[in-house]
PDB file of N, CA and C in Angstrom:
ATOM      1  N   UNK A   1      32.975 -90.695 163.122  1.00  0.00           N
ATOM      2  CA  UNK A   1      33.927 -90.571 164.214  1.00  0.00           C
ATOM      3  C   UNK A   1      33.754 -89.210 164.868  1.00  0.00           C
ATOM      4  N   UNK A   2      33.773 -89.176 166.165  1.00  0.00           N
ATOM      5  CA  UNK A   2      33.577 -87.934 166.909  1.00  0.00           C
ATOM      6  C   UNK A   2      34.785 -87.019 166.773  1.00  0.00           C
ATOM      7  N   UNK A   3      34.519 -85.726 166.791  1.00  0.00           N
ATOM      8  CA  UNK A   3      35.562 -84.721 166.765  1.00  0.00           C
ATOM      9  C   UNK A   3      36.317 -84.780 168.095  1.00  0.00           C
ATOM     10  N   UNK A   4      37.628 -84.799 168.051  1.00  0.00           N
ATOM     11  CA  UNK A   4      38.417 -84.898 169.279  1.00  0.00           C
ATOM     12  C   UNK A   4      38.834 -83.543 169.821  1.00  0.00           C
ATOM     13  N   UNK A   5      38.558 -82.466 169.090  1.00  0.00           N
ATOM     14  CA  UNK A   5      38.900 -81.135 169.575  1.00  0.00           C
ATOM     15  C   UNK A   5      37.952 -80.755 170.713  1.00  0.00           C
ATOM     16  N   UNK A   6      38.432 -79.988 171.636  1.00  0.00           N
ATOM     17  CA  UNK A   6      37.580 -79.514 172.716  1.00  0.00           C
ATOM     18  C   UNK A   6      37.097 -78.113 172.409  1.00  0.00           C
ATOM     19  N   UNK A   7      36.018 -77.731 173.044  1.00  0.00           N
ATOM     20  CA  UNK A   7      35.443 -76.416 172.827  1.00  0.00           C
ATOM     21  C   UNK A   7      35.420 -75.640 174.133  1.00  0.00           C
ATOM     22  N   UNK A   8      35.625 -74.343 174.032  1.00  0.00           N
ATOM     23  CA  UNK A   8      35.481 -73.483 175.200  1.00  0.00           C
ATOM     24  C   UNK A   8      34.017 -73.181 175.479  1.00  0.00           C
ATOM     25  N   UNK A   9      33.125 -73.542 174.559  1.00  0.00           N
ATOM     26  CA  UNK A   9      31.737 -73.132 174.669  1.00  0.00           C
ATOM     27  C   UNK A   9      30.770 -74.291 174.891  1.00  0.00           C
ATOM     28  N   UNK A  10      31.112 -75.490 174.521  1.00  0.00           N
ATOM     29  CA  UNK A  10      30.300 -76.668 174.812  1.00  0.00           C
ATOM     30  C   UNK A  10      31.075 -77.538 175.790  1.00  0.00           C
ATOM     31  N   UNK A  11      30.377 -78.083 176.738  1.00  0.00           N
ATOM     32  CA  UNK A  11      31.038 -78.963 177.696  1.00  0.00           C
ATOM     33  C   UNK A  11      31.273 -80.330 177.061  1.00  0.00           C
ATOM     34  N   UNK A  12      32.155 -81.101 177.646  1.00  0.00           N
ATOM     35  CA  UNK A  12      32.393 -82.465 177.151  1.00  0.00           C
ATOM     36  C   UNK A  12      31.113 -83.287 177.223  1.00  0.00           C
ATOM     37  N   UNK A  13      30.290 -83.044 178.235  1.00  0.00           N
ATOM     38  CA  UNK A  13      29.022 -83.766 178.360  1.00  0.00           C
ATOM     39  C   UNK A  13      28.101 -83.421 177.190  1.00  0.00           C
ATOM     40  N   UNK A  14      28.045 -82.133 176.810  1.00  0.00           N
ATOM     41  CA  UNK A  14      27.227 -81.732 175.667  1.00  0.00           C
ATOM     42  C   UNK A  14      27.738 -82.354 174.374  1.00  0.00           C
ATOM     43  N   UNK A  15      29.037 -82.324 174.187  1.00  0.00           N
ATOM     44  CA  UNK A  15      29.623 -82.899 172.973  1.00  0.00           C
ATOM     45  C   UNK A  15      29.346 -84.395 172.915  1.00  0.00           C
ATOM     46  N   UNK A  16      29.539 -85.078 174.015  1.00  0.00           N
ATOM     47  CA  UNK A  16      29.268 -86.512 174.069  1.00  0.00           C
ATOM     48  C   UNK A  16      27.789 -86.787 173.790  1.00  0.00           C
ATOM     49  N   UNK A  17      26.906 -85.994 174.362  1.00  0.00           N
ATOM     50  CA  UNK A  17      25.474 -86.158 174.131  1.00  0.00           C
ATOM     51  C   UNK A  17      25.146 -86.021 172.648  1.00  0.00           C
ATOM     52  N   UNK A  18      25.767 -85.031 171.982  1.00  0.00           N
ATOM     53  CA  UNK A  18      25.536 -84.860 170.547  1.00  0.00           C
ATOM     54  C   UNK A  18      25.931 -86.121 169.784  1.00  0.00           C
ATOM     55  N   UNK A  19      27.120 -86.636 170.045  1.00  0.00           N
ATOM     56  CA  UNK A  19      27.607 -87.788 169.286  1.00  0.00           C
ATOM     57  C   UNK A  19      26.825 -89.060 169.616  1.00  0.00           C
ATOM     58  N   UNK A  20      26.268 -89.144 170.811  1.00  0.00           N
ATOM     59  CA  UNK A  20      25.463 -90.306 171.175  1.00  0.00           C
ATOM     60  C   UNK A  20      24.040 -90.231 170.629  1.00  0.00           C
ATOM     61  N   UNK A  21      23.459 -89.022 170.604  1.00  0.00           N
ATOM     62  CA  UNK A  21      22.052 -88.873 170.255  1.00  0.00           C
ATOM     63  C   UNK A  21      21.809 -88.274 168.867  1.00  0.00           C
ATOM     64  N   UNK A  22      22.825 -87.658 168.285  1.00  0.00           N
ATOM     65  CA  UNK A  22      22.664 -87.062 166.959  1.00  0.00           C
ATOM     66  C   UNK A  22      22.096 -85.660 166.978  1.00  0.00           C
ATOM     67  N   UNK A  23      21.860 -85.099 168.150  1.00  0.00           N
ATOM     68  CA  UNK A  23      21.367 -83.729 168.286  1.00  0.00           C
ATOM     69  C   UNK A  23      21.768 -83.207 169.656  1.00  0.00           C
ATOM     70  N   UNK A  24      21.688 -81.898 169.813  1.00  0.00           N
ATOM     71  CA  UNK A  24      21.963 -81.259 171.100  1.00  0.00           C
ATOM     72  C   UNK A  24      20.966 -80.131 171.279  1.00  0.00           C
ATOM     73  N   UNK A  25      20.217 -80.204 172.345  1.00  0.00           N
ATOM     74  CA  UNK A  25      19.160 -79.225 172.550  1.00  0.00           C
ATOM     75  C   UNK A  25      18.858 -79.115 174.029  1.00  0.00           C
ATOM     76  N   UNK A  26      18.633 -77.934 174.531  1.00  0.00           N
ATOM     77  CA  UNK A  26      18.759 -76.621 173.878  1.00  0.00           C
ATOM     78  C   UNK A  26      20.185 -76.094 173.978  1.00  0.00           C
ATOM     79  N   UNK A  27      20.517 -75.197 173.091  1.00  0.00           N
ATOM     80  CA  UNK A  27      21.791 -74.488 173.147  1.00  0.00           C
ATOM     81  C   UNK A  27      21.443 -72.997 173.143  1.00  0.00           C
ATOM     82  N   UNK A  28      21.433 -72.366 174.295  1.00  0.00           N
ATOM     83  CA  UNK A  28      21.094 -70.934 174.314  1.00  0.00           C
ATOM     84  C   UNK A  28      22.189 -70.129 173.625  1.00  0.00           C
ATOM     85  N   UNK A  29      21.841 -69.502 172.518  1.00  0.00           N
ATOM     86  CA  UNK A  29      22.840 -68.776 171.747  1.00  0.00           C
ATOM     87  C   UNK A  29      22.507 -67.297 171.609  1.00  0.00           C
ATOM     88  N   UNK A  30      21.232 -66.963 171.611  1.00  0.00           N
ATOM     89  CA  UNK A  30      20.848 -65.559 171.450  1.00  0.00           C
ATOM     90  C   UNK A  30      19.768 -65.218 172.475  1.00  0.00           C
ATOM     91  N   UNK A  31      19.641 -63.960 172.742  1.00  0.00           N
ATOM     92  CA  UNK A  31      18.636 -63.493 173.694  1.00  0.00           C
ATOM     93  C   UNK A  31      17.264 -63.457 173.011  1.00  0.00           C
ATOM     94  N   UNK A  32      16.206 -63.475 173.800  1.00  0.00           N
ATOM     95  CA  UNK A  32      14.873 -63.303 173.211  1.00  0.00           C
ATOM     96  C   UNK A  32      14.760 -61.990 172.428  1.00  0.00           C
ATOM     97  N   UNK A  33      15.414 -60.931 172.916  1.00  0.00           N
ATOM     98  CA  UNK A  33      15.362 -59.647 172.213  1.00  0.00           C
ATOM     99  C   UNK A  33      16.047 -59.734 170.853  1.00  0.00           C
ATOM    100  N   UNK A  34      17.201 -60.422 170.781  1.00  0.00           N
ATOM    101  CA  UNK A  34      17.892 -60.589 169.499  1.00  0.00           C
ATOM    102  C   UNK A  34      17.003 -61.366 168.531  1.00  0.00           C
ATOM    103  N   UNK A  35      16.349 -62.385 169.035  1.00  0.00           N
ATOM    104  CA  UNK A  35      15.436 -63.175 168.208  1.00  0.00           C
ATOM    105  C   UNK A  35      14.302 -62.305 167.664  1.00  0.00           C
ATOM    106  N   UNK A  36      13.719 -61.496 168.524  1.00  0.00           N
ATOM    107  CA  UNK A  36      12.642 -60.596 168.097  1.00  0.00           C
ATOM    108  C   UNK A  36      13.135 -59.594 167.058  1.00  0.00           C
ATOM    109  N   UNK A  37      14.339 -59.074 167.256  1.00  0.00           N
ATOM    110  CA  UNK A  37      14.897 -58.112 166.302  1.00  0.00           C
ATOM    111  C   UNK A  37      15.099 -58.754 164.930  1.00  0.00           C
ATOM    112  N   UNK A  38      15.685 -59.947 164.914  1.00  0.00           N
ATOM    113  CA  UNK A  38      15.898 -60.637 163.633  1.00  0.00           C
ATOM    114  C   UNK A  38      14.567 -60.970 162.964  1.00  0.00           C
ATOM    115  N   UNK A  39      13.598 -61.414 163.756  1.00  0.00           N
ATOM    116  CA  UNK A  39      12.298 -61.731 163.176  1.00  0.00           C
ATOM    117  C   UNK A  39      11.665 -60.486 162.559  1.00  0.00           C
ATOM    118  N   UNK A  40      11.727 -59.361 163.260  1.00  0.00           N
ATOM    119  CA  UNK A  40      11.163 -58.118 162.732  1.00  0.00           C
ATOM    120  C   UNK A  40      11.846 -57.721 161.425  1.00  0.00           C
ATOM    121  N   UNK A  41      13.169 -57.869 161.377  1.00  0.00           N
ATOM    122  CA  UNK A  41      13.898 -57.558 160.141  1.00  0.00           C
ATOM    123  C   UNK A  41      13.462 -58.478 159.001  1.00  0.00           C
ATOM    124  N   UNK A  42      13.321 -59.763 159.285  1.00  0.00           N
ATOM    125  CA  UNK A  42      12.904 -60.712 158.251  1.00  0.00           C
ATOM    126  C   UNK A  42      11.491 -60.401 157.774  1.00  0.00           C
ATOM    127  N   UNK A  43      10.597 -60.074 158.694  1.00  0.00           N
ATOM    128  CA  UNK A  43       9.228 -59.751 158.302  1.00  0.00           C
ATOM    129  C   UNK A  43       9.175 -58.479 157.459  1.00  0.00           C
ATOM    130  N   UNK A  44      10.052 -57.518 157.749  1.00  0.00           N
ATOM    131  CA  UNK A  44      10.137 -56.310 156.926  1.00  0.00           C
ATOM    132  C   UNK A  44      10.616 -56.669 155.518  1.00  0.00           C
ATOM    133  N   UNK A  45      11.635 -57.510 155.437  1.00  0.00           N
ATOM    134  CA  UNK A  45      12.143 -57.945 154.130  1.00  0.00           C
ATOM    135  C   UNK A  45      11.043 -58.666 153.359  1.00  0.00           C
ATOM    136  N   UNK A  46      10.309 -59.559 154.044  1.00  0.00           N
ATOM    137  CA  UNK A  46       9.210 -60.278 153.381  1.00  0.00           C
ATOM    138  C   UNK A  46       8.151 -59.310 152.858  1.00  0.00           C
ATOM    139  N   UNK A  47       7.775 -58.319 153.682  1.00  0.00           N
ATOM    140  CA  UNK A  47       6.776 -57.347 153.260  1.00  0.00           C
ATOM    141  C   UNK A  47       7.233 -56.532 152.069  1.00  0.00           C
ATOM    142  N   UNK A  48       8.492 -56.084 152.103  1.00  0.00           N
ATOM    143  CA  UNK A  48       9.046 -55.321 150.980  1.00  0.00           C
ATOM    144  C   UNK A  48       9.064 -56.167 149.715  1.00  0.00           C
ATOM    145  N   UNK A  49       9.366 -57.450 149.869  1.00  0.00           N
ATOM    146  CA  UNK A  49       9.438 -58.363 148.732  1.00  0.00           C
ATOM    147  C   UNK A  49       8.074 -58.487 148.064  1.00  0.00           C
ATOM    148  N   UNK A  50       7.031 -58.703 148.871  1.00  0.00           N
ATOM    149  CA  UNK A  50       5.679 -58.837 148.329  1.00  0.00           C
ATOM    150  C   UNK A  50       5.205 -57.548 147.686  1.00  0.00           C
ATOM    151  N   UNK A  51       5.647 -56.402 148.213  1.00  0.00           N
ATOM    152  CA  UNK A  51       5.262 -55.111 147.643  1.00  0.00           C
ATOM    153  C   UNK A  51       5.853 -54.900 146.253  1.00  0.00           C
ATOM    154  N   UNK A  52       6.832 -55.716 145.870  1.00  0.00           N
ATOM    155  CA  UNK A  52       7.425 -55.606 144.538  1.00  0.00           C
ATOM    156  C   UNK A  52       6.580 -56.285 143.476  1.00  0.00           C
ATOM    157  N   UNK A  53       5.445 -56.864 143.884  1.00  0.00           N
ATOM    158  CA  UNK A  53       4.518 -57.443 142.916  1.00  0.00           C
ATOM    159  C   UNK A  53       4.833 -58.867 142.496  1.00  0.00           C
ATOM    160  N   UNK A  54       5.767 -59.510 143.167  1.00  0.00           N
ATOM    161  CA  UNK A  54       6.064 -60.897 142.818  1.00  0.00           C
ATOM    162  C   UNK A  54       4.949 -61.801 143.340  1.00  0.00           C
ATOM    163  N   UNK A  55       4.612 -62.834 142.598  1.00  0.00           N
ATOM    164  CA  UNK A  55       3.435 -63.635 142.944  1.00  0.00           C
ATOM    165  C   UNK A  55       3.599 -64.568 144.133  1.00  0.00           C
ATOM    166  N   UNK A  56       4.822 -64.835 144.539  1.00  0.00           N
ATOM    167  CA  UNK A  56       5.027 -65.801 145.621  1.00  0.00           C
ATOM    168  C   UNK A  56       5.831 -65.182 146.748  1.00  0.00           C
ATOM    169  N   UNK A  57       5.798 -65.835 147.893  1.00  0.00           N
ATOM    170  CA  UNK A  57       6.482 -65.328 149.087  1.00  0.00           C
ATOM    171  C   UNK A  57       7.996 -65.382 148.931  1.00  0.00           C
ATOM    172  N   UNK A  58       8.670 -64.557 149.722  1.00  0.00           N
ATOM    173  CA  UNK A  58      10.130 -64.461 149.703  1.00  0.00           C
ATOM    174  C   UNK A  58      10.801 -65.815 149.869  1.00  0.00           C
ATOM    175  N   UNK A  59      10.303 -66.655 150.796  1.00  0.00           N
ATOM    176  CA  UNK A  59      11.004 -67.904 151.074  1.00  0.00           C
ATOM    177  C   UNK A  59      10.978 -68.861 149.890  1.00  0.00           C
ATOM    178  N   UNK A  60      10.113 -68.644 148.910  1.00  0.00           N
ATOM    179  CA  UNK A  60      10.136 -69.467 147.693  1.00  0.00           C
ATOM    180  C   UNK A  60      11.368 -69.114 146.848  1.00  0.00           C
ATOM    181  N   UNK A  61      11.677 -67.832 146.760  1.00  0.00           N
ATOM    182  CA  UNK A  61      12.776 -67.364 145.916  1.00  0.00           C
ATOM    183  C   UNK A  61      14.133 -67.371 146.623  1.00  0.00           C
ATOM    184  N   UNK A  62      14.143 -67.029 147.891  1.00  0.00           N
ATOM    185  CA  UNK A  62      15.409 -66.867 148.609  1.00  0.00           C
ATOM    186  C   UNK A  62      15.534 -67.855 149.753  1.00  0.00           C
ATOM    187  N   UNK A  63      14.934 -69.009 149.630  1.00  0.00           N
ATOM    188  CA  UNK A  63      14.926 -69.974 150.726  1.00  0.00           C
ATOM    189  C   UNK A  63      16.306 -70.578 150.957  1.00  0.00           C
ATOM    190  N   UNK A  64      16.993 -70.971 149.894  1.00  0.00           N
ATOM    191  CA  UNK A  64      18.289 -71.636 150.011  1.00  0.00           C
ATOM    192  C   UNK A  64      19.393 -70.661 149.609  1.00  0.00           C
ATOM    193  N   UNK A  65      20.496 -70.684 150.350  1.00  0.00           N
ATOM    194  CA  UNK A  65      21.653 -69.814 150.112  1.00  0.00           C
ATOM    195  C   UNK A  65      21.304 -68.336 150.224  1.00  0.00           C
ATOM    196  N   UNK A  66      20.384 -68.044 151.121  1.00  0.00           N
ATOM    197  CA  UNK A  66      19.961 -66.660 151.324  1.00  0.00           C
ATOM    198  C   UNK A  66      21.120 -65.775 151.760  1.00  0.00           C
ATOM    199  N   UNK A  67      22.116 -66.342 152.429  1.00  0.00           N
ATOM    200  CA  UNK A  67      23.240 -65.530 152.939  1.00  0.00           C
ATOM    201  C   UNK A  67      24.024 -64.851 151.824  1.00  0.00           C
ATOM    202  N   UNK A  68      23.872 -65.326 150.604  1.00  0.00           N
ATOM    203  CA  UNK A  68      24.602 -64.745 149.476  1.00  0.00           C
ATOM    204  C   UNK A  68      24.010 -63.389 149.089  1.00  0.00           C
ATOM    205  N   UNK A  69      22.700 -63.218 149.283  1.00  0.00           N
ATOM    206  CA  UNK A  69      22.038 -61.991 148.835  1.00  0.00           C
ATOM    207  C   UNK A  69      21.319 -61.232 149.949  1.00  0.00           C
ATOM    208  N   UNK A  70      21.240 -61.823 151.137  1.00  0.00           N
ATOM    209  CA  UNK A  70      20.546 -61.183 152.255  1.00  0.00           C
ATOM    210  C   UNK A  70      21.509 -61.010 153.423  1.00  0.00           C
ATOM    211  N   UNK A  71      21.940 -59.785 153.688  1.00  0.00           N
ATOM    212  CA  UNK A  71      22.849 -59.566 154.819  1.00  0.00           C
ATOM    213  C   UNK A  71      22.300 -60.124 156.137  1.00  0.00           C
ATOM    214  N   UNK A  72      21.004 -60.077 156.347  1.00  0.00           N
ATOM    215  CA  UNK A  72      20.424 -60.614 157.577  1.00  0.00           C
ATOM    216  C   UNK A  72      20.698 -62.107 157.711  1.00  0.00           C
ATOM    217  N   UNK A  73      20.555 -62.851 156.631  1.00  0.00           N
ATOM    218  CA  UNK A  73      20.802 -64.293 156.680  1.00  0.00           C
ATOM    219  C   UNK A  73      22.260 -64.572 157.041  1.00  0.00           C
ATOM    220  N   UNK A  74      23.166 -63.806 156.460  1.00  0.00           N
ATOM    221  CA  UNK A  74      24.578 -63.973 156.807  1.00  0.00           C
ATOM    222  C   UNK A  74      24.830 -63.608 158.268  1.00  0.00           C
ATOM    223  N   UNK A  75      24.221 -62.516 158.730  1.00  0.00           N
ATOM    224  CA  UNK A  75      24.403 -62.077 160.119  1.00  0.00           C
ATOM    225  C   UNK A  75      23.990 -63.184 161.096  1.00  0.00           C
ATOM    226  N   UNK A  76      22.864 -63.836 160.811  1.00  0.00           N
ATOM    227  CA  UNK A  76      22.396 -64.925 161.677  1.00  0.00           C
ATOM    228  C   UNK A  76      23.341 -66.113 161.594  1.00  0.00           C
ATOM    229  N   UNK A  77      23.670 -66.525 160.386  1.00  0.00           N
ATOM    230  CA  UNK A  77      24.502 -67.723 160.197  1.00  0.00           C
ATOM    231  C   UNK A  77      25.916 -67.543 160.746  1.00  0.00           C
ATOM    232  N   UNK A  78      26.421 -66.321 160.726  1.00  0.00           N
ATOM    233  CA  UNK A  78      27.795 -66.064 161.171  1.00  0.00           C
ATOM    234  C   UNK A  78      27.857 -65.493 162.588  1.00  0.00           C
ATOM    235  N   UNK A  79      26.742 -65.463 163.287  1.00  0.00           N
ATOM    236  CA  UNK A  79      26.715 -64.919 164.655  1.00  0.00           C
ATOM    237  C   UNK A  79      27.647 -65.753 165.534  1.00  0.00           C
ATOM    238  N   UNK A  80      28.498 -65.087 166.279  1.00  0.00           N
ATOM    239  CA  UNK A  80      29.539 -65.796 167.034  1.00  0.00           C
ATOM    240  C   UNK A  80      28.980 -66.807 168.031  1.00  0.00           C
ATOM    241  N   UNK A  81      27.884 -66.493 168.695  1.00  0.00           N
ATOM    242  CA  UNK A  81      27.328 -67.434 169.681  1.00  0.00           C
ATOM    243  C   UNK A  81      26.740 -68.667 169.006  1.00  0.00           C
ATOM    244  N   UNK A  82      26.205 -68.508 167.805  1.00  0.00           N
ATOM    245  CA  UNK A  82      25.688 -69.659 167.058  1.00  0.00           C
ATOM    246  C   UNK A  82      26.861 -70.498 166.565  1.00  0.00           C
ATOM    247  N   UNK A  83      27.884 -69.831 166.059  1.00  0.00           N
ATOM    248  CA  UNK A  83      29.060 -70.562 165.583  1.00  0.00           C
ATOM    249  C   UNK A  83      29.781 -71.298 166.709  1.00  0.00           C
ATOM    250  N   UNK A  84      29.730 -70.768 167.921  1.00  0.00           N
ATOM    251  CA  UNK A  84      30.373 -71.460 169.042  1.00  0.00           C
ATOM    252  C   UNK A  84      29.836 -72.875 169.194  1.00  0.00           C
ATOM    253  N   UNK A  85      28.527 -73.040 169.083  1.00  0.00           N
ATOM    254  CA  UNK A  85      27.939 -74.370 169.183  1.00  0.00           C
ATOM    255  C   UNK A  85      28.359 -75.274 168.044  1.00  0.00           C
ATOM    256  N   UNK A  86      28.370 -74.735 166.838  1.00  0.00           N
ATOM    257  CA  UNK A  86      28.787 -75.518 165.663  1.00  0.00           C
ATOM    258  C   UNK A  86      30.256 -75.904 165.793  1.00  0.00           C
ATOM    259  N   UNK A  87      31.084 -74.950 166.168  1.00  0.00           N
ATOM    260  CA  UNK A  87      32.515 -75.216 166.320  1.00  0.00           C
ATOM    261  C   UNK A  87      32.786 -76.221 167.425  1.00  0.00           C
ATOM    262  N   UNK A  88      31.939 -76.238 168.444  1.00  0.00           N
ATOM    263  CA  UNK A  88      32.098 -77.206 169.525  1.00  0.00           C
ATOM    264  C   UNK A  88      31.948 -78.638 169.054  1.00  0.00           C
ATOM    265  N   UNK A  89      31.222 -78.838 167.981  1.00  0.00           N
ATOM    266  CA  UNK A  89      31.035 -80.176 167.414  1.00  0.00           C
ATOM    267  C   UNK A  89      31.994 -80.423 166.252  1.00  0.00           C
ATOM    268  N   UNK A  90      32.084 -79.482 165.334  1.00  0.00           N
ATOM    269  CA  UNK A  90      32.854 -79.699 164.101  1.00  0.00           C
ATOM    270  C   UNK A  90      34.300 -79.223 164.174  1.00  0.00           C
ATOM    271  N   UNK A  91      34.621 -78.384 165.134  1.00  0.00           N
ATOM    272  CA  UNK A  91      35.952 -77.796 165.190  1.00  0.00           C
ATOM    273  C   UNK A  91      35.952 -76.421 164.551  1.00  0.00           C
ATOM    274  N   UNK A  92      37.114 -75.796 164.525  1.00  0.00           N
ATOM    275  CA  UNK A  92      37.222 -74.411 164.073  1.00  0.00           C
ATOM    276  C   UNK A  92      37.268 -74.248 162.562  1.00  0.00           C
ATOM    277  N   UNK A  93      37.593 -75.289 161.838  1.00  0.00           N
ATOM    278  CA  UNK A  93      37.757 -75.202 160.386  1.00  0.00           C
ATOM    279  C   UNK A  93      36.415 -75.475 159.709  1.00  0.00           C
ATOM    280  N   UNK A  94      35.555 -74.440 159.672  1.00  0.00           N
ATOM    281  CA  UNK A  94      34.237 -74.601 159.074  1.00  0.00           C
ATOM    282  C   UNK A  94      34.031 -73.569 157.979  1.00  0.00           C
ATOM    283  N   UNK A  95      33.078 -73.837 157.104  1.00  0.00           N
ATOM    284  CA  UNK A  95      32.750 -72.968 155.988  1.00  0.00           C
ATOM    285  C   UNK A  95      31.234 -72.822 155.939  1.00  0.00           C
ATOM    286  N   UNK A  96      30.746 -71.607 155.780  1.00  0.00           N
ATOM    287  CA  UNK A  96      29.323 -71.385 155.610  1.00  0.00           C
ATOM    288  C   UNK A  96      28.979 -71.740 154.172  1.00  0.00           C
ATOM    289  N   UNK A  97      28.290 -72.851 154.018  1.00  0.00           N
ATOM    290  CA  UNK A  97      27.970 -73.364 152.687  1.00  0.00           C
ATOM    291  C   UNK A  97      26.545 -73.008 152.278  1.00  0.00           C
ATOM    292  N   UNK A  98      25.631 -73.059 153.224  1.00  0.00           N
ATOM    293  CA  UNK A  98      24.240 -72.833 152.867  1.00  0.00           C
ATOM    294  C   UNK A  98      23.465 -72.316 154.072  1.00  0.00           C
ATOM    295  N   UNK A  99      22.543 -71.428 153.827  1.00  0.00           N
ATOM    296  CA  UNK A  99      21.581 -71.009 154.838  1.00  0.00           C
ATOM    297  C   UNK A  99      20.195 -71.224 154.260  1.00  0.00           C
ATOM    298  N   UNK A 100      19.251 -71.481 155.128  1.00  0.00           N
ATOM    299  CA  UNK A 100      17.894 -71.733 154.661  1.00  0.00           C
ATOM    300  C   UNK A 100      16.904 -71.255 155.716  1.00  0.00           C
ATOM    301  N   UNK A 101      15.881 -70.560 155.286  1.00  0.00           N
ATOM    302  CA  UNK A 101      14.780 -70.179 156.153  1.00  0.00           C
ATOM    303  C   UNK A 101      13.648 -71.176 155.947  1.00  0.00           C
ATOM    304  N   UNK A 102      13.223 -71.824 157.015  1.00  0.00           N
ATOM    305  CA  UNK A 102      12.035 -72.679 156.975  1.00  0.00           C
ATOM    306  C   UNK A 102      10.938 -71.904 157.689  1.00  0.00           C
ATOM    307  N   UNK A 103      10.050 -71.314 156.919  1.00  0.00           N
ATOM    308  CA  UNK A 103       9.038 -70.423 157.477  1.00  0.00           C
ATOM    309  C   UNK A 103       7.673 -71.088 157.359  1.00  0.00           C
ATOM    310  N   UNK A 104       7.015 -71.247 158.486  1.00  0.00           N
ATOM    311  CA  UNK A 104       5.646 -71.739 158.505  1.00  0.00           C
ATOM    312  C   UNK A 104       4.801 -70.678 159.176  1.00  0.00           C
ATOM    313  N   UNK A 105       3.939 -70.061 158.394  1.00  0.00           N
ATOM    314  CA  UNK A 105       3.094 -68.991 158.904  1.00  0.00           C
ATOM    315  C   UNK A 105       2.044 -69.549 159.861  1.00  0.00           C
ATOM    316  N   UNK A 106       1.604 -68.739 160.831  1.00  0.00           N
ATOM    317  CA  UNK A 106       0.573 -69.197 161.759  1.00  0.00           C
ATOM    318  C   UNK A 106      -0.732 -69.523 161.031  1.00  0.00           C
ATOM    319  N   UNK A 107      -1.436 -70.507 161.525  1.00  0.00           N
ATOM    320  CA  UNK A 107      -2.742 -70.921 161.034  1.00  0.00           C
ATOM    321  C   UNK A 107      -2.751 -71.383 159.580  1.00  0.00           C
ATOM    322  N   UNK A 108      -1.592 -71.727 159.047  1.00  0.00           N
ATOM    323  CA  UNK A 108      -1.550 -72.244 157.683  1.00  0.00           C
ATOM    324  C   UNK A 108      -1.827 -73.742 157.701  1.00  0.00           C
ATOM    325  N   UNK A 109      -2.319 -74.245 156.604  1.00  0.00           N
ATOM    326  CA  UNK A 109      -2.533 -75.683 156.476  1.00  0.00           C
ATOM    327  C   UNK A 109      -1.303 -76.366 155.868  1.00  0.00           C
ATOM    328  N   UNK A 110      -0.304 -75.564 155.493  1.00  0.00           N
ATOM    329  CA  UNK A 110       0.930 -76.085 154.918  1.00  0.00           C
ATOM    330  C   UNK A 110       1.667 -76.934 155.959  1.00  0.00           C
ATOM    331  N   UNK A 111       2.135 -78.082 155.558  1.00  0.00           N
ATOM    332  CA  UNK A 111       2.810 -78.994 156.477  1.00  0.00           C
ATOM    333  C   UNK A 111       4.320 -78.831 156.347  1.00  0.00           C
ATOM    334  N   UNK A 112       4.978 -78.621 157.464  1.00  0.00           N
ATOM    335  CA  UNK A 112       6.439 -78.610 157.513  1.00  0.00           C
ATOM    336  C   UNK A 112       6.826 -79.753 158.439  1.00  0.00           C
ATOM    337  N   UNK A 113       7.236 -80.871 157.858  1.00  0.00           N
ATOM    338  CA  UNK A 113       7.533 -82.055 158.646  1.00  0.00           C
ATOM    339  C   UNK A 113       8.934 -81.994 159.222  1.00  0.00           C
ATOM    340  N   UNK A 114       9.189 -82.852 160.188  1.00  0.00           N
ATOM    341  CA  UNK A 114      10.554 -82.986 160.710  1.00  0.00           C
ATOM    342  C   UNK A 114      11.427 -83.479 159.555  1.00  0.00           C
ATOM    343  N   UNK A 115      12.672 -83.044 159.533  1.00  0.00           N
ATOM    344  CA  UNK A 115      13.565 -83.432 158.448  1.00  0.00           C
ATOM    345  C   UNK A 115      14.997 -83.427 158.966  1.00  0.00           C
ATOM    346  N   UNK A 116      15.852 -83.975 158.144  1.00  0.00           N
ATOM    347  CA  UNK A 116      17.288 -83.930 158.429  1.00  0.00           C
ATOM    348  C   UNK A 116      17.976 -83.583 157.109  1.00  0.00           C
ATOM    349  N   UNK A 117      18.818 -82.582 157.159  1.00  0.00           N
ATOM    350  CA  UNK A 117      19.569 -82.201 155.964  1.00  0.00           C
ATOM    351  C   UNK A 117      20.865 -82.968 155.935  1.00  0.00           C
ATOM    352  N   UNK A 118      20.970 -83.892 155.008  1.00  0.00           N
ATOM    353  CA  UNK A 118      22.154 -84.747 154.954  1.00  0.00           C
ATOM    354  C   UNK A 118      23.262 -84.179 154.089  1.00  0.00           C
ATOM    355  N   UNK A 119      22.938 -83.156 153.303  1.00  0.00           N
ATOM    356  CA  UNK A 119      23.955 -82.587 152.421  1.00  0.00           C
ATOM    357  C   UNK A 119      25.056 -81.956 153.229  1.00  0.00           C
TER     358      UNK A 119
END
């Protein structure tokens, strides 16, 4: 059943499109500069992690629920412009349950298929 609450940030057309199609895209939430800044921070964290001598990449160890131990993950997940889109669909009573980084490095042969998280 569709959420009957209205949002100040998503239009009724966007909300209706989500409920009809199961997705809403694009939703401009952050600037290209903010994206670059977050990416640079994540790459620094990844580099520092590998320098600790662990045999596998950061996303193997901190892929799920990263917001619990990585302030950057929480900052992204709790960013007000990102939450505006989520709240426009689910309403204001939401809880951050899980964050996940899906990282596919350039020129890798690793396959990251389309997926849907049903949890």
